[in-house]
């Protein structure tokens, strides 16, 4: 999934739960469950890791910027009483991808088990049934983001 999708899901969790610790834990867990859905990035991930192509880096940079703008916008809409839970749920929902990025960059052995754990979920259905086209996945994720965010924005 895109960081933007994980961010939107974390925002919905945090603003619904209201408890920062539960929000963080649910946001973190949601990352793995949502990543199980085939989402069109398997070839992109492989081309970055195996071929060191720069396209996936640009994709991730744009996605990260959109996610950042989403958080900045929502943090001005979420009631202040829920803001800490919102922030920690979003942090939990994107933390797994941050750790994967750190593993890719540093090759720290301590992160290798987490790397395997993450990709167990990420590739759960994709390895068995194949991936979907990235354009379809992005369109579907955009629809999910809008569906999730409309109640938050309309408050």
Protein backbone atom coordinates (compact mmCIF):
# COMPACT_ATOMS: atom_id res chain seq x y z
CA UNK A 1 0.00 0.00 0.00
CA UNK A 2 1.04 3.57 -0.37
CA UNK A 3 2.12 5.53 2.67
CA UNK A 4 -0.85 7.77 1.95
CA UNK A 5 -3.23 4.82 2.33
CA UNK A 6 -1.56 3.71 5.55
CA UNK A 7 -1.70 7.30 6.78
CA UNK A 8 -5.42 7.62 6.05
CA UNK A 9 -6.15 4.34 7.81
CA UNK A 10 -4.04 5.41 10.80
CA UNK A 11 -5.86 8.75 10.90
CA UNK A 12 -9.23 7.02 10.95
CA UNK A 13 -8.08 4.64 13.68
CA UNK A 14 -6.60 7.38 15.84
CA UNK A 15 -9.58 9.68 15.59
CA UNK A 16 -11.97 6.77 16.28
CA UNK A 17 -10.14 5.14 19.18
CA UNK A 18 -9.08 8.27 21.03
CA UNK A 19 -6.46 6.40 23.07
CA UNK A 20 -2.88 7.08 21.91
CA UNK A 21 -1.39 3.70 22.88
CA UNK A 22 -4.26 1.65 21.51
CA UNK A 23 -4.22 3.87 18.40
CA UNK A 24 -0.51 3.24 17.87
CA UNK A 25 -0.89 -0.53 18.31
CA UNK A 26 -3.93 -0.73 16.04
CA UNK A 27 -2.26 1.49 13.46
CA UNK A 28 0.83 -0.72 13.54
CA UNK A 29 -1.25 -3.92 13.22
CA UNK A 30 -3.38 -2.42 10.45
CA UNK A 31 -0.27 -1.94 8.34
CA UNK A 32 0.29 -5.68 8.04
CA UNK A 33 -3.35 -6.55 7.46
CA UNK A 34 -3.76 -3.94 4.73
CA UNK A 35 -0.44 -4.88 3.11
CA UNK A 36 -1.82 -8.40 2.56
CA UNK A 37 -4.11 -7.00 -0.15
CA UNK A 38 -2.27 -7.16 -3.50
CA UNK A 39 -1.50 -3.55 -4.37
CA UNK A 40 0.58 -3.45 -7.52
CA UNK A 41 4.04 -2.67 -6.18
CA UNK A 42 5.76 -6.07 -6.26
CA UNK A 43 7.65 -5.44 -9.51
CA UNK A 44 8.56 -1.93 -8.38
CA UNK A 45 9.95 -3.25 -5.10
CA UNK A 46 11.96 -5.90 -6.89
CA UNK A 47 13.32 -3.43 -9.45
CA UNK A 48 14.56 -1.21 -6.63
CA UNK A 49 16.11 -3.99 -4.58
CA UNK A 50 17.55 -6.07 -7.40
CA UNK A 51 18.21 -3.57 -10.19
CA UNK A 52 18.67 -0.36 -8.17
CA UNK A 53 16.33 1.58 -10.45
CA UNK A 54 15.44 5.11 -9.40
CA UNK A 55 11.72 5.08 -10.40
CA UNK A 56 10.60 3.47 -7.14
CA UNK A 57 12.49 6.12 -5.17
CA UNK A 58 10.64 8.89 -7.01
CA UNK A 59 7.35 7.05 -6.46
CA UNK A 60 8.04 6.70 -2.72
CA UNK A 61 9.13 10.34 -2.44
CA UNK A 62 5.94 11.61 -4.06
CA UNK A 63 3.83 9.26 -1.95
CA UNK A 64 5.62 10.38 1.21
CA UNK A 65 5.03 14.04 0.38
CA UNK A 66 1.32 13.41 -0.24
CA UNK A 67 1.08 11.53 3.06
CA UNK A 68 2.80 14.43 4.82
CA UNK A 69 0.37 16.96 3.33
CA UNK A 70 -2.51 14.71 4.37
CA UNK A 71 -1.28 14.60 7.97
CA UNK A 72 -0.73 18.36 8.06
CA UNK A 73 -4.22 18.99 6.71
CA UNK A 74 -5.94 16.51 9.00
CA UNK A 75 -4.07 17.72 12.07
CA UNK A 76 -5.84 21.05 11.59
CA UNK A 77 -9.25 19.35 11.34
CA UNK A 78 -9.01 16.74 14.11
CA UNK A 79 -10.24 18.05 17.48
CA UNK A 80 -7.31 18.81 19.78
CA UNK A 81 -8.49 16.23 22.34
CA UNK A 82 -8.01 13.49 19.72
CA UNK A 83 -4.82 14.87 18.15
CA UNK A 84 -2.33 12.80 20.18
CA UNK A 85 -4.18 9.55 19.46
CA UNK A 86 -4.43 10.56 15.80
CA UNK A 87 -0.69 11.28 15.64
CA UNK A 88 0.37 8.03 17.30
CA UNK A 89 -2.00 5.92 15.18
CA UNK A 90 -0.60 7.49 12.02
CA UNK A 91 2.94 6.95 13.33
CA UNK A 92 2.17 3.29 14.05
CA UNK A 93 0.58 2.76 10.65
CA UNK A 94 3.64 3.99 8.72
CA UNK A 95 6.37 2.72 11.07
CA UNK A 96 6.71 -0.69 9.37
CA UNK A 97 7.61 0.95 6.04
CA UNK A 98 10.07 3.26 7.79
CA UNK A 99 11.78 0.22 9.32
CA UNK A 100 11.88 -1.49 5.90
CA UNK A 101 13.46 1.64 4.43
CA UNK A 102 16.07 1.64 7.21
CA UNK A 103 16.81 -2.02 6.52
CA UNK A 104 17.20 -1.34 2.78
CA UNK A 105 19.51 1.59 3.48
CA UNK A 106 21.62 0.24 6.33
CA UNK A 107 21.36 -3.58 6.08
CA UNK A 108 21.28 -3.72 9.88
CA UNK A 109 21.07 -7.35 10.99
CA UNK A 110 18.76 -6.43 13.86
CA UNK A 111 16.08 -5.38 11.34
CA UNK A 112 16.36 -8.50 9.15
CA UNK A 113 13.74 -10.53 11.13
CA UNK A 114 11.33 -7.60 10.91
CA UNK A 115 12.04 -7.35 7.17
CA UNK A 116 11.06 -11.02 6.74
CA UNK A 117 7.99 -10.58 8.97
CA UNK A 118 6.82 -7.55 6.98
CA UNK A 119 7.22 -9.25 3.61
CA UNK A 120 5.49 -12.39 4.88
CA UNK A 121 2.34 -10.27 5.08
CA UNK A 122 3.15 -8.04 2.10
CA UNK A 123 3.58 -11.03 -0.22
CA UNK A 124 1.00 -13.32 1.41
CA UNK A 125 -1.49 -13.35 -1.48
CA UNK A 126 0.71 -11.83 -4.18
CA UNK A 127 3.11 -14.79 -4.24
CA UNK A 128 0.20 -17.24 -4.53
CA UNK A 129 -2.13 -15.41 -6.90
CA UNK A 130 -0.06 -12.65 -8.50
CA UNK A 131 -0.22 -8.90 -8.20
CA UNK A 132 -2.66 -6.42 -9.70
CA UNK A 133 -1.71 -3.63 -12.10
CA UNK A 134 -0.27 -0.64 -10.27
CA UNK A 135 -2.69 1.77 -11.98
CA UNK A 136 -5.68 -0.26 -10.76
CA UNK A 137 -4.20 -0.50 -7.29
CA UNK A 138 -3.60 3.25 -7.10
CA UNK A 139 -7.14 3.98 -8.28
CA UNK A 140 -8.53 1.58 -5.68
CA UNK A 141 -6.39 3.08 -2.93
CA UNK A 142 -7.47 6.60 -3.91
CA UNK A 143 -11.10 5.49 -3.57
CA UNK A 144 -10.38 3.93 -0.15
CA UNK A 145 -8.60 7.09 1.02
CA UNK A 146 -11.54 9.26 -0.02
CA UNK A 147 -14.00 6.86 1.61
CA UNK A 148 -12.01 6.89 4.86
CA UNK A 149 -11.36 10.61 4.95
CA UNK A 150 -14.83 11.95 4.10
CA UNK A 151 -16.22 11.28 7.59
CA UNK A 152 -13.11 12.85 9.17
CA UNK A 153 -13.32 15.98 7.04
CA UNK A 154 -17.09 16.34 7.39
CA UNK A 155 -16.65 15.69 11.11
